[in-house]
């Protein structure tokens, strides 16, 4: 099925497999639920420290990026989506980069300029 991506970028396609960092937050959980209803299966795993073992709209949640990517569900992940508070963006992005994720979208507003 052809996907109509609301992000509007040439880098998202039918081979995109997402990890959502901050998946249990208010905005992220809403976006995940809507996305899974329209395009089931492209969001593979989510991460929120302390919330591992739960699910958001059927997407398994893990405590760390490493744990998520080591899971059977996370094996094909190739793109990161970051929905964390501004002060946590830098650490979230470093964790994704250290895990080998090369394409990362940061949705967070007001990220400290020195963290960009």
N, C-alpha and C. Protein backbone atom coordinates (compact mmCIF):
# COMPACT_ATOMS: atom_id res chain seq x y z
N UNK A 1 0.84 -1.17 0.00
CA UNK A 1 0.00 0.00 0.00
C UNK A 1 0.89 1.25 0.00
N UNK A 2 0.62 2.18 -0.85
CA UNK A 2 1.33 3.45 -0.90
C UNK A 2 0.93 4.27 0.32
N UNK A 3 1.89 4.85 0.98
CA UNK A 3 1.59 5.65 2.17
C UNK A 3 1.62 7.13 1.83
N UNK A 4 0.71 7.87 2.39
CA UNK A 4 0.65 9.32 2.23
C UNK A 4 1.22 9.94 3.50
N UNK A 5 2.49 10.25 3.50
CA UNK A 5 3.17 10.71 4.70
C UNK A 5 2.86 12.17 4.98
N UNK A 6 2.38 12.43 6.20
CA UNK A 6 2.08 13.81 6.57
C UNK A 6 3.35 14.61 6.81
N UNK A 7 4.46 13.94 7.06
CA UNK A 7 5.72 14.65 7.28
C UNK A 7 6.18 15.31 5.99
N UNK A 8 5.81 14.75 4.85
CA UNK A 8 6.13 15.35 3.57
C UNK A 8 7.61 15.32 3.23
N UNK A 9 8.24 14.20 3.39
CA UNK A 9 9.66 14.10 3.08
C UNK A 9 9.94 12.93 2.16
N UNK A 10 10.95 13.08 1.35
CA UNK A 10 11.31 12.01 0.43
C UNK A 10 12.01 10.84 1.11
N UNK A 11 12.39 11.00 2.36
CA UNK A 11 13.13 9.95 3.06
C UNK A 11 12.24 8.91 3.72
N UNK A 12 10.96 9.18 3.84
CA UNK A 12 10.03 8.20 4.41
C UNK A 12 9.34 7.47 3.28
N UNK A 13 9.35 6.15 3.36
CA UNK A 13 8.71 5.35 2.32
C UNK A 13 8.27 4.01 2.90
N UNK A 14 7.89 3.09 2.06
CA UNK A 14 7.38 1.80 2.53
C UNK A 14 8.44 0.93 3.20
N UNK A 15 9.70 1.32 3.10
CA UNK A 15 10.78 0.58 3.77
C UNK A 15 11.14 1.19 5.12
N UNK A 16 10.52 2.30 5.46
CA UNK A 16 10.78 2.97 6.74
C UNK A 16 10.25 2.12 7.89
N UNK A 17 11.10 1.92 8.89
CA UNK A 17 10.73 1.20 10.11
C UNK A 17 11.16 2.08 11.28
N UNK A 18 10.18 2.57 12.04
CA UNK A 18 10.43 3.60 13.05
C UNK A 18 10.58 3.08 14.47
N UNK A 19 11.46 3.78 15.20
CA UNK A 19 11.50 3.72 16.66
C UNK A 19 11.09 5.10 17.14
N UNK A 20 10.17 5.16 18.09
CA UNK A 20 9.70 6.44 18.62
C UNK A 20 10.23 6.59 20.04
N UNK A 21 11.09 7.57 20.24
CA UNK A 21 11.63 7.84 21.57
C UNK A 21 10.71 8.85 22.25
N UNK A 22 10.22 8.49 23.43
CA UNK A 22 9.23 9.31 24.12
C UNK A 22 7.82 8.91 23.74
N UNK A 23 7.64 7.66 23.38
CA UNK A 23 6.38 7.16 22.82
C UNK A 23 5.19 7.28 23.78
N UNK A 24 5.42 7.29 25.08
CA UNK A 24 4.29 7.33 26.01
C UNK A 24 3.83 8.74 26.35
N UNK A 25 4.50 9.74 25.82
CA UNK A 25 4.07 11.12 26.05
C UNK A 25 2.73 11.40 25.39
N UNK A 26 2.08 12.47 25.81
CA UNK A 26 0.74 12.80 25.32
C UNK A 26 0.69 12.91 23.80
N UNK A 27 1.53 13.75 23.23
CA UNK A 27 1.49 13.96 21.78
C UNK A 27 1.96 12.73 21.02
N UNK A 28 3.05 12.13 21.45
CA UNK A 28 3.58 10.95 20.74
C UNK A 28 2.59 9.80 20.75
N UNK A 29 1.97 9.53 21.88
CA UNK A 29 1.03 8.41 21.94
C UNK A 29 -0.18 8.65 21.04
N UNK A 30 -0.60 9.90 20.91
CA UNK A 30 -1.71 10.22 20.00
C UNK A 30 -1.29 10.02 18.55
N UNK A 31 -0.11 10.49 18.19
CA UNK A 31 0.40 10.34 16.82
C UNK A 31 0.58 8.86 16.49
N UNK A 32 1.11 8.09 17.42
CA UNK A 32 1.31 6.66 17.19
C UNK A 32 -0.03 5.96 16.98
N UNK A 33 -1.01 6.27 17.81
CA UNK A 33 -2.33 5.64 17.66
C UNK A 33 -2.95 5.97 16.31
N UNK A 34 -2.87 7.23 15.89
CA UNK A 34 -3.42 7.63 14.59
C UNK A 34 -2.65 6.97 13.45
N UNK A 35 -1.33 6.95 13.55
CA UNK A 35 -0.50 6.37 12.50
C UNK A 35 -0.74 4.87 12.37
N UNK A 36 -0.84 4.19 13.48
CA UNK A 36 -1.07 2.74 13.45
C UNK A 36 -2.45 2.41 12.89
N UNK A 37 -3.42 3.29 13.11
CA UNK A 37 -4.76 3.06 12.55
C UNK A 37 -4.73 3.20 11.03
N UNK A 38 -3.97 4.16 10.52
CA UNK A 38 -3.91 4.42 9.08
C UNK A 38 -2.90 3.52 8.37
N UNK A 39 -1.72 3.36 8.96
CA UNK A 39 -0.62 2.62 8.33
C UNK A 39 -0.03 1.63 9.33
N UNK A 40 -0.75 0.57 9.63
CA UNK A 40 -0.27 -0.36 10.66
C UNK A 40 1.08 -0.99 10.33
N UNK A 41 1.92 -1.06 11.36
CA UNK A 41 3.16 -1.81 11.24
C UNK A 41 4.43 -1.05 10.92
N UNK A 42 4.37 0.23 10.56
CA UNK A 42 5.63 0.90 10.25
C UNK A 42 6.31 1.44 11.50
N UNK A 43 5.58 1.63 12.59
CA UNK A 43 6.20 1.97 13.87
C UNK A 43 6.43 0.64 14.58
N UNK A 44 7.69 0.28 14.72
CA UNK A 44 8.04 -1.05 15.24
C UNK A 44 8.17 -1.10 16.75
N UNK A 45 8.84 -0.09 17.33
CA UNK A 45 9.10 -0.09 18.77
C UNK A 45 9.11 1.34 19.29
N UNK A 46 8.95 1.46 20.61
CA UNK A 46 9.03 2.76 21.25
C UNK A 46 9.90 2.66 22.49
N UNK A 47 10.33 3.83 22.96
CA UNK A 47 11.20 3.90 24.14
C UNK A 47 10.71 4.99 25.07
N UNK A 48 10.54 4.64 26.33
CA UNK A 48 10.34 5.59 27.41
C UNK A 48 10.96 4.95 28.65
N UNK A 49 12.01 5.56 29.22
CA UNK A 49 12.63 4.98 30.41
C UNK A 49 11.60 4.76 31.52
N UNK A 50 11.65 3.58 32.12
CA UNK A 50 10.74 3.26 33.21
C UNK A 50 9.38 2.73 32.77
N UNK A 51 9.12 2.71 31.47
CA UNK A 51 7.82 2.23 30.98
C UNK A 51 7.95 0.98 30.12
N UNK A 52 9.13 0.36 30.13
CA UNK A 52 9.34 -0.86 29.38
C UNK A 52 8.34 -1.94 29.78
N UNK A 53 7.92 -2.74 28.80
CA UNK A 53 6.96 -3.79 29.06
C UNK A 53 5.52 -3.38 28.81
N UNK A 54 5.30 -2.11 28.51
CA UNK A 54 3.95 -1.65 28.19
C UNK A 54 3.81 -1.54 26.68
N UNK A 55 2.66 -1.09 26.23
CA UNK A 55 2.41 -0.89 24.80
C UNK A 55 1.66 0.41 24.58
N UNK A 56 1.86 0.99 23.41
CA UNK A 56 1.07 2.15 22.96
C UNK A 56 0.51 1.77 21.60
N UNK A 57 -0.81 1.66 21.52
CA UNK A 57 -1.49 1.29 20.27
C UNK A 57 -0.90 0.02 19.65
N UNK A 58 -0.55 -0.93 20.51
CA UNK A 58 0.01 -2.20 20.03
C UNK A 58 1.50 -2.19 19.77
N UNK A 59 2.15 -1.04 19.94
CA UNK A 59 3.59 -0.92 19.73
C UNK A 59 4.29 -1.18 21.07
N UNK A 60 5.21 -2.15 21.13
CA UNK A 60 5.89 -2.44 22.39
C UNK A 60 6.82 -1.31 22.81
N UNK A 61 6.84 -1.06 24.13
CA UNK A 61 7.66 0.00 24.71
C UNK A 61 8.81 -0.63 25.49
N UNK A 62 10.00 -0.06 25.32
CA UNK A 62 11.21 -0.53 26.01
C UNK A 62 11.81 0.61 26.81
N UNK A 63 12.73 0.28 27.72
CA UNK A 63 13.36 1.29 28.57
C UNK A 63 14.49 2.04 27.88
N UNK A 64 15.17 1.40 26.93
CA UNK A 64 16.30 2.02 26.23
C UNK A 64 16.22 1.71 24.74
N UNK A 65 16.92 2.51 23.96
CA UNK A 65 17.01 2.27 22.52
C UNK A 65 17.70 0.94 22.26
N UNK A 66 18.78 0.68 22.97
CA UNK A 66 19.52 -0.58 22.78
C UNK A 66 18.62 -1.79 23.03
N UNK A 67 17.86 -1.74 24.10
CA UNK A 67 16.93 -2.83 24.43
C UNK A 67 15.88 -2.99 23.32
N UNK A 68 15.35 -1.88 22.83
CA UNK A 68 14.33 -1.92 21.78
C UNK A 68 14.87 -2.52 20.49
N UNK A 69 16.07 -2.09 20.11
CA UNK A 69 16.64 -2.57 18.85
C UNK A 69 17.15 -4.00 18.95
N UNK A 70 17.35 -4.49 20.16
CA UNK A 70 17.77 -5.88 20.36
C UNK A 70 16.58 -6.84 20.36
N UNK A 71 15.39 -6.29 20.41
CA UNK A 71 14.18 -7.13 20.44
C UNK A 71 13.84 -7.62 19.04
N UNK A 72 13.06 -8.69 18.94
CA UNK A 72 12.63 -9.16 17.61
C UNK A 72 11.87 -8.09 16.83
N UNK A 73 11.06 -7.30 17.53
CA UNK A 73 10.29 -6.24 16.86
C UNK A 73 11.17 -5.12 16.34
N UNK A 74 12.31 -4.90 16.98
CA UNK A 74 13.17 -3.78 16.62
C UNK A 74 14.28 -4.08 15.64
N UNK A 75 14.35 -5.30 15.16
CA UNK A 75 15.49 -5.70 14.33
C UNK A 75 15.60 -4.97 13.00
N UNK A 76 14.50 -4.52 12.43
CA UNK A 76 14.53 -3.85 11.12
C UNK A 76 14.44 -2.33 11.20
N UNK A 77 14.49 -1.77 12.40
CA UNK A 77 14.33 -0.32 12.56
C UNK A 77 15.46 0.42 11.86
N UNK A 78 15.11 1.46 11.10
CA UNK A 78 16.11 2.23 10.37
C UNK A 78 15.94 3.74 10.52
N UNK A 79 14.94 4.18 11.28
CA UNK A 79 14.65 5.60 11.40
C UNK A 79 14.17 5.90 12.82
N UNK A 80 14.61 7.03 13.36
CA UNK A 80 14.19 7.44 14.70
C UNK A 80 13.29 8.65 14.65
N UNK A 81 12.33 8.68 15.55
CA UNK A 81 11.42 9.80 15.71
C UNK A 81 11.47 10.19 17.18
N UNK A 82 11.83 11.44 17.47
CA UNK A 82 12.07 11.88 18.84
C UNK A 82 10.96 12.81 19.31
N UNK A 83 10.25 12.40 20.36
CA UNK A 83 9.19 13.17 21.00
C UNK A 83 9.52 13.27 22.49
N UNK A 84 10.55 13.99 22.85
CA UNK A 84 10.91 14.13 24.26
C UNK A 84 11.00 15.62 24.59
N UNK A 85 11.00 15.96 25.89
CA UNK A 85 11.15 17.37 26.27
C UNK A 85 12.48 17.93 25.76
N UNK A 86 12.56 19.25 25.57
CA UNK A 86 13.76 19.88 25.00
C UNK A 86 15.06 19.50 25.70
N UNK A 87 15.05 19.42 27.01
CA UNK A 87 16.28 19.11 27.75
C UNK A 87 16.75 17.67 27.54
N UNK A 88 15.89 16.81 27.00
CA UNK A 88 16.24 15.40 26.80
C UNK A 88 16.59 15.06 25.36
N UNK A 89 16.43 16.00 24.44
CA UNK A 89 16.65 15.73 23.02
C UNK A 89 18.07 15.27 22.74
N UNK A 90 19.05 15.98 23.27
CA UNK A 90 20.45 15.64 22.99
C UNK A 90 20.75 14.19 23.37
N UNK A 91 20.37 13.79 24.57
CA UNK A 91 20.64 12.42 25.02
C UNK A 91 19.90 11.39 24.16
N UNK A 92 18.66 11.70 23.78
CA UNK A 92 17.88 10.78 22.95
C UNK A 92 18.54 10.59 21.59
N UNK A 93 18.99 11.68 21.00
CA UNK A 93 19.63 11.60 19.68
C UNK A 93 20.97 10.86 19.76
N UNK A 94 21.74 11.13 20.79
CA UNK A 94 23.02 10.41 20.96
C UNK A 94 22.77 8.92 21.12
N UNK A 95 21.74 8.56 21.88
CA UNK A 95 21.42 7.14 22.07
C UNK A 95 21.05 6.49 20.73
N UNK A 96 20.29 7.20 19.90
CA UNK A 96 19.92 6.66 18.58
C UNK A 96 21.15 6.53 17.67
N UNK A 97 21.99 7.55 17.66
CA UNK A 97 23.20 7.52 16.82
C UNK A 97 24.12 6.38 17.27
N UNK A 98 24.32 6.26 18.58
CA UNK A 98 25.18 5.19 19.11
C UNK A 98 24.65 3.80 18.74
N UNK A 99 23.34 3.70 18.55
CA UNK A 99 22.73 2.42 18.18
C UNK A 99 22.74 2.18 16.67
N UNK A 100 23.26 3.15 15.91
CA UNK A 100 23.38 2.96 14.47
C UNK A 100 22.25 3.53 13.63
N UNK A 101 21.34 4.27 14.25
CA UNK A 101 20.25 4.89 13.50
C UNK A 101 20.79 6.14 12.82
N UNK A 102 20.66 6.20 11.49
CA UNK A 102 21.25 7.30 10.72
C UNK A 102 20.26 8.39 10.34
N UNK A 103 18.98 8.08 10.32
CA UNK A 103 17.96 9.07 9.97
C UNK A 103 17.09 9.31 11.19
N UNK A 104 17.11 10.55 11.69
CA UNK A 104 16.41 10.89 12.93
C UNK A 104 15.60 12.15 12.72
N UNK A 105 14.32 12.09 13.06
CA UNK A 105 13.44 13.25 13.02
C UNK A 105 13.19 13.70 14.45
N UNK A 106 13.40 14.99 14.70
CA UNK A 106 13.18 15.56 16.03
C UNK A 106 11.95 16.45 15.94
N UNK A 107 10.91 16.08 16.67
CA UNK A 107 9.66 16.81 16.62
C UNK A 107 9.61 17.89 17.70
N UNK A 108 10.45 17.80 18.69
CA UNK A 108 10.47 18.69 19.84
C UNK A 108 10.76 20.13 19.47
N UNK A 109 10.01 21.05 20.06
CA UNK A 109 10.26 22.49 19.89
C UNK A 109 11.17 22.99 21.01
N UNK A 110 11.79 24.13 20.78
CA UNK A 110 12.59 24.84 21.79
C UNK A 110 13.78 24.04 22.30
N UNK A 111 14.44 23.33 21.40
CA UNK A 111 15.65 22.59 21.77
C UNK A 111 16.76 23.61 22.02
N UNK A 112 17.50 23.48 23.13
CA UNK A 112 18.59 24.43 23.40
C UNK A 112 19.55 24.51 22.21
N UNK A 113 19.90 25.71 21.81
CA UNK A 113 20.71 25.94 20.62
C UNK A 113 22.04 25.19 20.67
N UNK A 114 22.63 25.07 21.84
CA UNK A 114 23.92 24.37 21.96
C UNK A 114 23.78 22.86 21.86
N UNK A 115 22.55 22.37 21.88
CA UNK A 115 22.31 20.93 21.74
C UNK A 115 22.02 20.54 20.30
N UNK A 116 21.98 21.52 19.40
CA UNK A 116 21.63 21.21 18.00
C UNK A 116 22.85 20.95 17.16
